[in-house]
PDB file of N, CA and C in Angstrom:
ATOM      1  N   MET A   1      19.998  -1.436 -15.755  1.00  0.00           N
ATOM      2  CA  MET A   1      19.480  -1.761 -15.964  1.00  0.00           C
ATOM      3  C   MET A   1      18.218  -2.528 -16.136  1.00  0.00           C
ATOM      4  N   ASN A   2      17.799  -3.768 -16.167  1.00  0.00           N
ATOM      5  CA  ASN A   2      16.516  -4.333 -16.999  1.00  0.00           C
ATOM      6  C   ASN A   2      15.459  -3.788 -16.382  1.00  0.00           C
ATOM      7  N   ASN A   3      14.677  -2.983 -16.117  1.00  0.00           N
ATOM      8  CA  ASN A   3      13.099  -3.572 -15.671  1.00  0.00           C
ATOM      9  C   ASN A   3      11.948  -4.453 -16.347  1.00  0.00           C
ATOM     10  N   THR A   4      12.044  -4.873 -17.620  1.00  0.00           N
ATOM     11  CA  THR A   4      11.602  -6.200 -18.739  1.00  0.00           C
ATOM     12  C   THR A   4      10.376  -6.997 -17.112  1.00  0.00           C
ATOM     13  N   ILE A   5       9.446  -6.995 -17.642  1.00  0.00           N
ATOM     14  CA  ILE A   5       8.906  -7.666 -17.529  1.00  0.00           C
ATOM     15  C   ILE A   5       8.060  -9.054 -18.515  1.00  0.00           C
ATOM     16  N   SER A   6       9.049 -10.374 -18.147  1.00  0.00           N
ATOM     17  CA  SER A   6       8.583 -11.112 -18.795  1.00  0.00           C
ATOM     18  C   SER A   6       7.414 -12.498 -18.476  1.00  0.00           C
ATOM     19  N   PHE A   7       6.404 -12.541 -19.178  1.00  0.00           N
ATOM     20  CA  PHE A   7       5.055 -13.669 -18.785  1.00  0.00           C
ATOM     21  C   PHE A   7       5.760 -14.812 -19.848  1.00  0.00           C
ATOM     22  N   ILE A   8       5.000 -16.774 -18.981  1.00  0.00           N
ATOM     23  CA  ILE A   8       5.275 -17.750 -19.381  1.00  0.00           C
ATOM     24  C   ILE A   8       3.568 -17.777 -20.072  1.00  0.00           C
ATOM     25  N   ASP A   9       3.577 -18.047 -21.124  1.00  0.00           N
ATOM     26  CA  ASP A   9       2.680 -18.221 -22.183  1.00  0.00           C
ATOM     27  C   ASP A   9       2.465 -19.876 -21.745  1.00  0.00           C
ATOM     28  N   HIS A  10       1.241 -19.712 -21.312  1.00  0.00           N
ATOM     29  CA  HIS A  10       0.393 -21.364 -20.733  1.00  0.00           C
ATOM     30  C   HIS A  10      -0.765 -21.891 -21.572  1.00  0.00           C
ATOM     31  N   THR A  11      -0.417 -20.851 -22.761  1.00  0.00           N
ATOM     32  CA  THR A  11      -1.606 -21.158 -24.256  1.00  0.00           C
ATOM     33  C   THR A  11      -1.807 -22.739 -24.131  1.00  0.00           C
ATOM     34  N   PRO A  12      -1.237 -24.153 -24.068  1.00  0.00           N
ATOM     35  CA  PRO A  12      -1.196 -24.507 -24.419  1.00  0.00           C
ATOM     36  C   PRO A  12      -1.940 -25.685 -23.195  1.00  0.00           C
ATOM     37  N   ASP A  13      -2.530 -24.887 -22.213  1.00  0.00           N
ATOM     38  CA  ASP A  13      -3.004 -25.665 -20.534  1.00  0.00           C
ATOM     39  C   ASP A  13      -3.476 -25.502 -20.597  1.00  0.00           C
ATOM     40  N   ALA A  14      -4.218 -24.346 -21.195  1.00  0.00           N
ATOM     41  CA  ALA A  14      -5.300 -23.523 -21.429  1.00  0.00           C
ATOM     42  C   ALA A  14      -6.406 -24.823 -21.373  1.00  0.00           C
ATOM     43  N   GLY A  15      -6.827 -25.339 -22.291  1.00  0.00           N
ATOM     44  CA  GLY A  15      -8.134 -26.501 -22.310  1.00  0.00           C
ATOM     45  C   GLY A  15      -8.048 -26.868 -21.268  1.00  0.00           C
ATOM     46  N   LEU A  16      -6.977 -27.299 -21.054  1.00  0.00           N
ATOM     47  CA  LEU A  16      -6.476 -28.757 -19.755  1.00  0.00           C
ATOM     48  C   LEU A  16      -7.511 -27.805 -18.602  1.00  0.00           C
ATOM     49  N   LEU A  17      -6.999 -26.788 -18.056  1.00  0.00           N
ATOM     50  CA  LEU A  17      -7.940 -25.877 -17.567  1.00  0.00           C
ATOM     51  C   LEU A  17      -8.662 -25.607 -16.570  1.00  0.00           C
ATOM     52  N   ASP A  18      -8.999 -25.591 -18.189  1.00  0.00           N
ATOM     53  CA  ASP A  18     -10.237 -24.477 -18.199  1.00  0.00           C
ATOM     54  C   ASP A  18     -11.788 -26.045 -18.217  1.00  0.00           C
ATOM     55  N   ALA A  19     -11.407 -26.970 -18.194  1.00  0.00           N
ATOM     56  CA  ALA A  19     -11.951 -28.218 -18.359  1.00  0.00           C
ATOM     57  C   ALA A  19     -11.559 -28.687 -16.806  1.00  0.00           C
ATOM     58  N   TYR A  20     -10.477 -28.476 -16.006  1.00  0.00           N
ATOM     59  CA  TYR A  20     -10.622 -28.833 -14.712  1.00  0.00           C
ATOM     60  C   TYR A  20     -11.646 -27.771 -13.381  1.00  0.00           C
ATOM     61  N   SER A  21     -11.872 -26.326 -14.103  1.00  0.00           N
ATOM     62  CA  SER A  21     -12.238 -25.660 -13.661  1.00  0.00           C
ATOM     63  C   SER A  21     -13.758 -25.856 -13.886  1.00  0.00           C
ATOM     64  N   LYS A  22     -13.805 -26.453 -15.550  1.00  0.00           N
ATOM     65  CA  LYS A  22     -15.493 -26.821 -15.625  1.00  0.00           C
ATOM     66  C   LYS A  22     -16.018 -28.019 -14.434  1.00  0.00           C
ATOM     67  N   THR A  23     -15.344 -29.034 -14.479  1.00  0.00           N
ATOM     68  CA  THR A  23     -14.802 -30.094 -13.532  1.00  0.00           C
ATOM     69  C   THR A  23     -15.696 -29.777 -11.972  1.00  0.00           C
ATOM     70  N   ILE A  24     -14.913 -29.115 -11.812  1.00  0.00           N
ATOM     71  CA  ILE A  24     -14.353 -28.633 -10.268  1.00  0.00           C
ATOM     72  C   ILE A  24     -16.068 -27.419  -9.645  1.00  0.00           C
ATOM     73  N   THR A  25     -16.436 -27.195 -10.898  1.00  0.00           N
ATOM     74  CA  THR A  25     -17.942 -25.921 -10.731  1.00  0.00           C
ATOM     75  C   THR A  25     -18.991 -27.048 -10.441  1.00  0.00           C
ATOM     76  N   GLY A  26     -18.705 -28.179 -11.657  1.00  0.00           N
ATOM     77  CA  GLY A  26     -19.586 -28.516 -12.241  1.00  0.00           C
ATOM     78  C   GLY A  26     -19.965 -29.376 -10.555  1.00  0.00           C
ATOM     79  N   VAL A  27     -19.386 -29.993  -9.518  1.00  0.00           N
ATOM     80  CA  VAL A  27     -19.011 -31.162  -8.526  1.00  0.00           C
ATOM     81  C   VAL A  27     -20.326 -30.343  -7.672  1.00  0.00           C
ATOM     82  N   VAL A  28     -19.772 -29.145  -7.592  1.00  0.00           N
ATOM     83  CA  VAL A  28     -19.768 -28.385  -6.111  1.00  0.00           C
ATOM     84  C   VAL A  28     -21.011 -27.966  -6.799  1.00  0.00           C
ATOM     85  N   GLY A  29     -21.801 -27.826  -8.087  1.00  0.00           N
ATOM     86  CA  GLY A  29     -23.329 -27.091  -8.370  1.00  0.00           C
ATOM     87  C   GLY A  29     -24.306 -28.532  -7.810  1.00  0.00           C
ATOM     88  N   GLU A  30     -23.429 -29.046  -8.547  1.00  0.00           N
ATOM     89  CA  GLU A  30     -24.396 -30.855  -7.693  1.00  0.00           C
ATOM     90  C   GLU A  30     -24.730 -31.506  -6.502  1.00  0.00           C
ATOM     91  N   ILE A  31     -23.559 -31.656  -5.683  1.00  0.00           N
ATOM     92  CA  ILE A  31     -22.994 -31.521  -4.350  1.00  0.00           C
ATOM     93  C   ILE A  31     -23.948 -30.494  -2.821  1.00  0.00           C
ATOM     94  N   ALA A  32     -23.573 -28.878  -2.885  1.00  0.00           N
ATOM     95  CA  ALA A  32     -23.926 -28.168  -2.583  1.00  0.00           C
ATOM     96  C   ALA A  32     -25.250 -28.358  -2.212  1.00  0.00           C
ATOM     97  N   GLN A  33     -26.508 -29.025  -2.762  1.00  0.00           N
ATOM     98  CA  GLN A  33     -27.648 -28.989  -2.047  1.00  0.00           C
ATOM     99  C   GLN A  33     -27.699 -29.729  -0.982  1.00  0.00           C
ATOM    100  N   SER A  34     -26.607 -31.048  -0.527  1.00  0.00           N
ATOM    101  CA  SER A  34     -26.087 -31.732   0.202  1.00  0.00           C
ATOM    102  C   SER A  34     -25.771 -31.332   1.611  1.00  0.00           C
ATOM    103  N   VAL A  35     -25.568 -30.180   1.638  1.00  0.00           N
ATOM    104  CA  VAL A  35     -24.138 -29.701   2.428  1.00  0.00           C
ATOM    105  C   VAL A  35     -24.861 -28.604   3.576  1.00  0.00           C
ATOM    106  N   VAL A  36     -25.430 -29.306   4.869  1.00  0.00           N
ATOM    107  CA  VAL A  36     -25.805 -28.918   6.182  1.00  0.00           C
ATOM    108  C   VAL A  36     -24.969 -28.235   7.114  1.00  0.00           C
ATOM    109  N   HIS A  37     -25.410 -26.784   7.513  1.00  0.00           N
ATOM    110  CA  HIS A  37     -24.794 -26.145   8.571  1.00  0.00           C
ATOM    111  C   HIS A  37     -25.535 -26.683  10.116  1.00  0.00           C
ATOM    112  N   ILE A  38     -25.544 -27.282  10.527  1.00  0.00           N
ATOM    113  CA  ILE A  38     -25.438 -28.229  12.204  1.00  0.00           C
ATOM    114  C   ILE A  38     -24.805 -26.952  13.352  1.00  0.00           C
ATOM    115  N   GLN A  39     -26.565 -26.661  14.114  1.00  0.00           N
ATOM    116  CA  GLN A  39     -26.160 -25.807  15.424  1.00  0.00           C
ATOM    117  C   GLN A  39     -26.881 -26.372  16.478  1.00  0.00           C
ATOM    118  N   VAL A  40     -26.272 -26.385  17.448  1.00  0.00           N
ATOM    119  CA  VAL A  40     -26.137 -27.200  18.583  1.00  0.00           C
ATOM    120  C   VAL A  40     -26.640 -26.617  20.002  1.00  0.00           C
ATOM    121  N   GLN A  41     -26.940 -26.772  20.412  1.00  0.00           N
ATOM    122  CA  GLN A  41     -27.101 -26.155  21.467  1.00  0.00           C
ATOM    123  C   GLN A  41     -26.888 -27.659  23.233  1.00  0.00           C
ATOM    124  N   LYS A  42     -25.279 -27.715  23.482  1.00  0.00           N
ATOM    125  CA  LYS A  42     -24.763 -28.460  24.180  1.00  0.00           C
ATOM    126  C   LYS A  42     -25.346 -28.500  26.206  1.00  0.00           C
ATOM    127  N   LYS A  43     -25.479 -29.408  26.746  1.00  0.00           N
ATOM    128  CA  LYS A  43     -24.994 -29.319  28.325  1.00  0.00           C
ATOM    129  C   LYS A  43     -24.407 -29.657  28.889  1.00  0.00           C
ATOM    130  N   LEU A  44     -23.295 -28.835  29.290  1.00  0.00           N
ATOM    131  CA  LEU A  44     -22.180 -29.099  29.844  1.00  0.00           C
ATOM    132  C   LEU A  44     -21.429 -28.872  31.407  1.00  0.00           C
ATOM    133  N   ASN A  45     -20.772 -29.727  32.326  1.00  0.00           N
ATOM    134  CA  ASN A  45     -20.989 -29.588  33.356  1.00  0.00           C
ATOM    135  C   ASN A  45     -18.990 -28.943  33.521  1.00  0.00           C
ATOM    136  N   ASP A  46     -19.217 -28.069  34.433  1.00  0.00           N
ATOM    137  CA  ASP A  46     -18.383 -26.939  34.361  1.00  0.00           C
ATOM    138  C   ASP A  46     -17.327 -27.763  35.394  1.00  0.00           C
ATOM    139  N   ARG A  47     -16.721 -28.060  35.691  1.00  0.00           N
ATOM    140  CA  ARG A  47     -16.148 -29.321  35.999  1.00  0.00           C
ATOM    141  C   ARG A  47     -15.133 -28.132  37.152  1.00  0.00           C
ATOM    142  N   ARG A  48     -14.634 -26.832  37.414  1.00  0.00           N
ATOM    143  CA  ARG A  48     -14.584 -25.627  38.205  1.00  0.00           C
ATOM    144  C   ARG A  48     -15.629 -26.260  39.695  1.00  0.00           C
ATOM    145  N   THR A  49     -16.751 -25.861  38.829  1.00  0.00           N
ATOM    146  CA  THR A  49     -17.877 -25.286  39.747  1.00  0.00           C
ATOM    147  C   THR A  49     -19.150 -26.792  40.235  1.00  0.00           C
ATOM    148  N   GLY A  50     -18.858 -27.697  39.161  1.00  0.00           N
ATOM    149  CA  GLY A  50     -19.995 -28.168  39.446  1.00  0.00           C
ATOM    150  C   GLY A  50     -21.066 -27.992  39.099  1.00  0.00           C
ATOM    151  N   ILE A  51     -21.443 -27.468  38.769  1.00  0.00           N
ATOM    152  CA  ILE A  51     -22.584 -26.515  37.724  1.00  0.00           C
ATOM    153  C   ILE A  51     -22.852 -26.959  36.336  1.00  0.00           C
ATOM    154  N   ASP A  52     -24.170 -27.630  35.889  1.00  0.00           N
ATOM    155  CA  ASP A  52     -24.098 -27.514  34.108  1.00  0.00           C
ATOM    156  C   ASP A  52     -24.420 -25.961  33.399  1.00  0.00           C
ATOM    157  N   ARG A  53     -24.198 -26.223  32.417  1.00  0.00           N
ATOM    158  CA  ARG A  53     -24.087 -24.971  31.476  1.00  0.00           C
ATOM    159  C   ARG A  53     -24.846 -24.908  30.078  1.00  0.00           C
ATOM    160  N   GLY A  54     -25.291 -24.216  29.744  1.00  0.00           N
ATOM    161  CA  GLY A  54     -25.408 -24.246  27.971  1.00  0.00           C
ATOM    162  C   GLY A  54     -24.142 -24.157  27.381  1.00  0.00           C
ATOM    163  N   GLN A  55     -23.980 -24.285  26.658  1.00  0.00           N
ATOM    164  CA  GLN A  55     -22.659 -24.002  25.405  1.00  0.00           C
ATOM    165  C   GLN A  55     -23.403 -24.456  23.671  1.00  0.00           C
ATOM    166  N   GLN A  56     -23.152 -22.893  23.130  1.00  0.00           N
ATOM    167  CA  GLN A  56     -23.554 -23.599  21.498  1.00  0.00           C
ATOM    168  C   GLN A  56     -22.017 -23.661  21.287  1.00  0.00           C
ATOM    169  N   GLY A  57     -22.759 -24.457  19.852  1.00  0.00           N
ATOM    170  CA  GLY A  57     -21.760 -25.050  19.340  1.00  0.00           C
ATOM    171  C   GLY A  57     -21.852 -25.404  17.608  1.00  0.00           C
ATOM    172  N   SER A  58     -21.202 -25.410  16.590  1.00  0.00           N
ATOM    173  CA  SER A  58     -22.404 -25.399  15.250  1.00  0.00           C
ATOM    174  C   SER A  58     -20.858 -26.258  14.713  1.00  0.00           C
ATOM    175  N   GLY A  59     -21.245 -26.630  12.983  1.00  0.00           N
ATOM    176  CA  GLY A  59     -20.542 -27.687  12.209  1.00  0.00           C
ATOM    177  C   GLY A  59     -21.056 -28.283  11.124  1.00  0.00           C
ATOM    178  N   SER A  60     -20.909 -28.606  10.249  1.00  0.00           N
ATOM    179  CA  SER A  60     -21.069 -29.069   8.891  1.00  0.00           C
ATOM    180  C   SER A  60     -21.333 -30.277   9.089  1.00  0.00           C
ATOM    181  N   GLY A  61     -22.499 -30.936   8.271  1.00  0.00           N
ATOM    182  CA  GLY A  61     -22.738 -32.070   7.657  1.00  0.00           C
ATOM    183  C   GLY A  61     -23.314 -32.220   6.425  1.00  0.00           C
ATOM    184  N   PHE A  62     -23.423 -33.790   5.781  1.00  0.00           N
ATOM    185  CA  PHE A  62     -24.034 -33.768   4.766  1.00  0.00           C
ATOM    186  C   PHE A  62     -25.530 -34.509   4.691  1.00  0.00           C
ATOM    187  N   ILE A  63     -26.662 -34.696   3.793  1.00  0.00           N
ATOM    188  CA  ILE A  63     -27.342 -35.414   3.220  1.00  0.00           C
ATOM    189  C   ILE A  63     -26.725 -36.646   3.046  1.00  0.00           C
ATOM    190  N   ILE A  64     -27.425 -37.539   3.753  1.00  0.00           N
ATOM    191  CA  ILE A  64     -27.091 -39.064   2.873  1.00  0.00           C
ATOM    192  C   ILE A  64     -28.135 -39.549   2.149  1.00  0.00           C
ATOM    193  N   SER A  65     -29.369 -39.064   2.813  1.00  0.00           N
ATOM    194  CA  SER A  65     -29.902 -40.232   2.383  1.00  0.00           C
ATOM    195  C   SER A  65     -31.691 -38.972   1.705  1.00  0.00           C
ATOM    196  N   SER A  66     -32.525 -39.597   1.293  1.00  0.00           N
ATOM    197  CA  SER A  66     -33.499 -39.316   0.899  1.00  0.00           C
ATOM    198  C   SER A  66     -34.466 -38.464   2.251  1.00  0.00           C
ATOM    199  N   ASP A  67     -35.103 -39.632   2.896  1.00  0.00           N
ATOM    200  CA  ASP A  67     -35.550 -39.616   3.829  1.00  0.00           C
ATOM    201  C   ASP A  67     -34.564 -39.154   5.289  1.00  0.00           C
ATOM    202  N   GLY A  68     -33.632 -38.261   5.732  1.00  0.00           N
ATOM    203  CA  GLY A  68     -32.697 -37.171   6.010  1.00  0.00           C
ATOM    204  C   GLY A  68     -31.627 -37.297   6.516  1.00  0.00           C
ATOM    205  N   TYR A  69     -31.332 -38.766   6.323  1.00  0.00           N
ATOM    206  CA  TYR A  69     -29.974 -38.501   7.170  1.00  0.00           C
ATOM    207  C   TYR A  69     -29.073 -37.605   6.986  1.00  0.00           C
ATOM    208  N   ILE A  70     -28.050 -37.125   8.148  1.00  0.00           N
ATOM    209  CA  ILE A  70     -27.470 -36.749   7.988  1.00  0.00           C
ATOM    210  C   ILE A  70     -26.139 -36.701   8.646  1.00  0.00           C
ATOM    211  N   VAL A  71     -25.007 -36.936   8.123  1.00  0.00           N
ATOM    212  CA  VAL A  71     -23.958 -37.078   8.955  1.00  0.00           C
ATOM    213  C   VAL A  71     -23.339 -36.542   8.882  1.00  0.00           C
ATOM    214  N   THR A  72     -22.846 -36.451  10.463  1.00  0.00           N
ATOM    215  CA  THR A  72     -21.156 -35.251  10.752  1.00  0.00           C
ATOM    216  C   THR A  72     -19.832 -35.913  11.893  1.00  0.00           C
ATOM    217  N   ASN A  73     -19.885 -34.888  11.749  1.00  0.00           N
ATOM    218  CA  ASN A  73     -18.782 -35.701  13.346  1.00  0.00           C
ATOM    219  C   ASN A  73     -18.833 -35.821  14.906  1.00  0.00           C
ATOM    220  N   SER A  74     -18.497 -36.737  15.449  1.00  0.00           N
ATOM    221  CA  SER A  74     -19.642 -36.821  16.700  1.00  0.00           C
ATOM    222  C   SER A  74     -19.471 -35.593  17.728  1.00  0.00           C
ATOM    223  N   HIS A  75     -17.826 -34.695  17.545  1.00  0.00           N
ATOM    224  CA  HIS A  75     -17.512 -33.447  18.817  1.00  0.00           C
ATOM    225  C   HIS A  75     -18.547 -31.980  17.962  1.00  0.00           C
ATOM    226  N   VAL A  76     -19.004 -32.710  16.778  1.00  0.00           N
ATOM    227  CA  VAL A  76     -20.420 -31.773  16.469  1.00  0.00           C
ATOM    228  C   VAL A  76     -21.296 -31.864  17.794  1.00  0.00           C
ATOM    229  N   ILE A  77     -21.705 -33.060  17.609  1.00  0.00           N
ATOM    230  CA  ILE A  77     -23.607 -33.262  17.931  1.00  0.00           C
ATOM    231  C   ILE A  77     -23.024 -34.252  19.491  1.00  0.00           C
ATOM    232  N   GLU A  78     -21.789 -34.179  19.706  1.00  0.00           N
ATOM    233  CA  GLU A  78     -21.773 -34.767  21.267  1.00  0.00           C
ATOM    234  C   GLU A  78     -22.531 -33.732  22.700  1.00  0.00           C
ATOM    235  N   ASN A  79     -22.856 -34.510  23.790  1.00  0.00           N
ATOM    236  CA  ASN A  79     -23.496 -33.687  24.103  1.00  0.00           C
ATOM    237  C   ASN A  79     -24.546 -32.168  23.815  1.00  0.00           C
ATOM    238  N   ALA A  80     -25.223 -33.102  22.682  1.00  0.00           N
ATOM    239  CA  ALA A  80     -26.197 -31.915  22.469  1.00  0.00           C
ATOM    240  C   ALA A  80     -27.548 -32.173  22.920  1.00  0.00           C
ATOM    241  N   VAL A  81     -28.234 -31.446  23.278  1.00  0.00           N
ATOM    242  CA  VAL A  81     -29.554 -31.182  24.113  1.00  0.00           C
ATOM    243  C   VAL A  81     -30.246 -30.549  23.295  1.00  0.00           C
ATOM    244  N   ASP A  82     -30.295 -29.896  22.161  1.00  0.00           N
ATOM    245  CA  ASP A  82     -31.323 -29.084  20.600  1.00  0.00           C
ATOM    246  C   ASP A  82     -30.379 -28.878  19.332  1.00  0.00           C
ATOM    247  N   ILE A  83     -30.561 -29.731  18.203  1.00  0.00           N
ATOM    248  CA  ILE A  83     -29.724 -29.740  17.371  1.00  0.00           C
ATOM    249  C   ILE A  83     -31.137 -29.352  16.253  1.00  0.00           C
ATOM    250  N   LYS A  84     -30.444 -27.740  15.457  1.00  0.00           N
ATOM    251  CA  LYS A  84     -31.017 -27.335  14.167  1.00  0.00           C
ATOM    252  C   LYS A  84     -30.337 -27.302  12.738  1.00  0.00           C
ATOM    253  N   VAL A  85     -30.947 -27.755  11.546  1.00  0.00           N
ATOM    254  CA  VAL A  85     -29.498 -27.760  10.852  1.00  0.00           C
ATOM    255  C   VAL A  85     -30.434 -26.683  10.321  1.00  0.00           C
ATOM    256  N   ASN A  86     -29.635 -25.832   8.853  1.00  0.00           N
ATOM    257  CA  ASN A  86     -29.446 -24.963   7.947  1.00  0.00           C
ATOM    258  C   ASN A  86     -29.663 -25.473   6.684  1.00  0.00           C
ATOM    259  N   PHE A  87     -30.428 -25.350   6.566  1.00  0.00           N
ATOM    260  CA  PHE A  87     -30.026 -26.558   4.819  1.00  0.00           C
ATOM    261  C   PHE A  87     -29.496 -24.779   3.344  1.00  0.00           C
ATOM    262  N   SER A  88     -29.818 -25.223   2.284  1.00  0.00           N
ATOM    263  CA  SER A  88     -28.999 -24.818   1.934  1.00  0.00           C
ATOM    264  C   SER A  88     -29.857 -23.212   1.136  1.00  0.00           C
ATOM    265  N   ASP A  89     -31.197 -24.199   0.873  1.00  0.00           N
ATOM    266  CA  ASP A  89     -32.493 -23.272   0.700  1.00  0.00           C
ATOM    267  C   ASP A  89     -32.975 -22.080   2.240  1.00  0.00           C
ATOM    268  N   GLY A  90     -31.989 -21.599   2.825  1.00  0.00           N
ATOM    269  CA  GLY A  90     -32.279 -21.078   3.918  1.00  0.00           C
ATOM    270  C   GLY A  90     -33.329 -21.543   5.137  1.00  0.00           C
ATOM    271  N   SER A  91     -34.076 -22.681   5.205  1.00  0.00           N
ATOM    272  CA  SER A  91     -34.775 -23.537   5.650  1.00  0.00           C
ATOM    273  C   SER A  91     -33.789 -24.346   7.039  1.00  0.00           C
ATOM    274  N   ILE A  92     -34.528 -24.032   7.989  1.00  0.00           N
ATOM    275  CA  ILE A  92     -33.992 -24.145   9.177  1.00  0.00           C
ATOM    276  C   ILE A  92     -34.716 -25.694   9.655  1.00  0.00           C
ATOM    277  N   GLU A  93     -34.763 -26.502  10.197  1.00  0.00           N
ATOM    278  CA  GLU A  93     -35.071 -27.820  10.797  1.00  0.00           C
ATOM    279  C   GLU A  93     -34.974 -28.163  11.968  1.00  0.00           C
ATOM    280  N   LYS A  94     -35.647 -28.513  13.120  1.00  0.00           N
ATOM    281  CA  LYS A  94     -35.070 -29.538  14.004  1.00  0.00           C
ATOM    282  C   LYS A  94     -34.638 -31.155  13.952  1.00  0.00           C
ATOM    283  N   ALA A  95     -33.350 -30.966  14.972  1.00  0.00           N
ATOM    284  CA  ALA A  95     -33.412 -32.009  14.295  1.00  0.00           C
ATOM    285  C   ALA A  95     -33.341 -33.464  15.601  1.00  0.00           C
ATOM    286  N   GLU A  96     -33.062 -34.166  15.408  1.00  0.00           N
ATOM    287  CA  GLU A  96     -33.094 -35.374  16.871  1.00  0.00           C
ATOM    288  C   GLU A  96     -32.128 -36.813  16.194  1.00  0.00           C
ATOM    289  N   LEU A  97     -31.250 -36.238  17.497  1.00  0.00           N
ATOM    290  CA  LEU A  97     -29.892 -37.788  17.183  1.00  0.00           C
ATOM    291  C   LEU A  97     -30.583 -39.592  16.819  1.00  0.00           C
ATOM    292  N   LYS A  98     -30.334 -39.895  16.356  1.00  0.00           N
ATOM    293  CA  LYS A  98     -30.539 -41.437  16.152  1.00  0.00           C
ATOM    294  C   LYS A  98     -30.409 -42.197  16.387  1.00  0.00           C
ATOM    295  N   GLU A  99     -28.803 -42.092  16.095  1.00  0.00           N
ATOM    296  CA  GLU A  99     -27.758 -42.531  16.574  1.00  0.00           C
ATOM    297  C   GLU A  99     -25.875 -42.275  15.640  1.00  0.00           C
ATOM    298  N   LEU A 100     -25.276 -43.192  17.227  1.00  0.00           N
ATOM    299  CA  LEU A 100     -24.132 -42.349  17.224  1.00  0.00           C
ATOM    300  C   LEU A 100     -22.898 -43.324  17.191  1.00  0.00           C
ATOM    301  N   ILE A 101     -22.792 -43.566  16.061  1.00  0.00           N
ATOM    302  CA  ILE A 101     -21.377 -44.525  15.561  1.00  0.00           C
ATOM    303  C   ILE A 101     -19.862 -44.566  15.647  1.00  0.00           C
ATOM    304  N   HIS A 102     -19.605 -45.601  17.098  1.00  0.00           N
ATOM    305  CA  HIS A 102     -17.530 -44.300  17.175  1.00  0.00           C
ATOM    306  C   HIS A 102     -17.173 -45.519  16.061  1.00  0.00           C
ATOM    307  N   GLN A 103     -15.826 -44.999  15.783  1.00  0.00           N
ATOM    308  CA  GLN A 103     -14.801 -45.444  14.476  1.00  0.00           C
ATOM    309  C   GLN A 103     -14.045 -45.676  15.808  1.00  0.00           C
ATOM    310  N   ARG A 104     -13.311 -46.937  15.199  1.00  0.00           N
ATOM    311  CA  ARG A 104     -12.233 -47.270  16.265  1.00  0.00           C
ATOM    312  C   ARG A 104     -10.987 -47.313  15.096  1.00  0.00           C
ATOM    313  N   ILE A 105      -9.593 -46.858  15.966  1.00  0.00           N
ATOM    314  CA  ILE A 105      -8.890 -46.812  15.084  1.00  0.00           C
ATOM    315  C   ILE A 105      -7.614 -48.102  15.583  1.00  0.00           C
ATOM    316  N   LEU A 106      -7.550 -48.973  14.723  1.00  0.00           N
ATOM    317  CA  LEU A 106      -6.843 -50.008  14.477  1.00  0.00           C
ATOM    318  C   LEU A 106      -5.639 -49.123  14.430  1.00  0.00           C
ATOM    319  N   ARG A 107      -3.939 -50.329  15.123  1.00  0.00           N
ATOM    320  CA  ARG A 107      -2.602 -50.415  15.160  1.00  0.00           C
ATOM    321  C   ARG A 107      -2.277 -51.434  14.853  1.00  0.00           C
TER     322      ARG A 107
END
């Protein structure tokens, strides 16, 4: 039995893969500061007991304008009573919900 291991030479694709890698890292470098982590405190009503209780949640968001607007999914901020945003530089700021836009799916 022959225990020889053979490799396929992908040298012709090396330039293409290198260009792809540089493109991806360049895009990440450009947008990384626009991605934020959102921490929320929600007020939920326990259906069993009828008592309001707090629950923590989190999600991600994207800064979409220079005046501080952030887009996230509605389930991240739904019923939030306190919202904090963690930025890529390590700073944390309190945020407020300005408006919630619901998207409708048409069939």
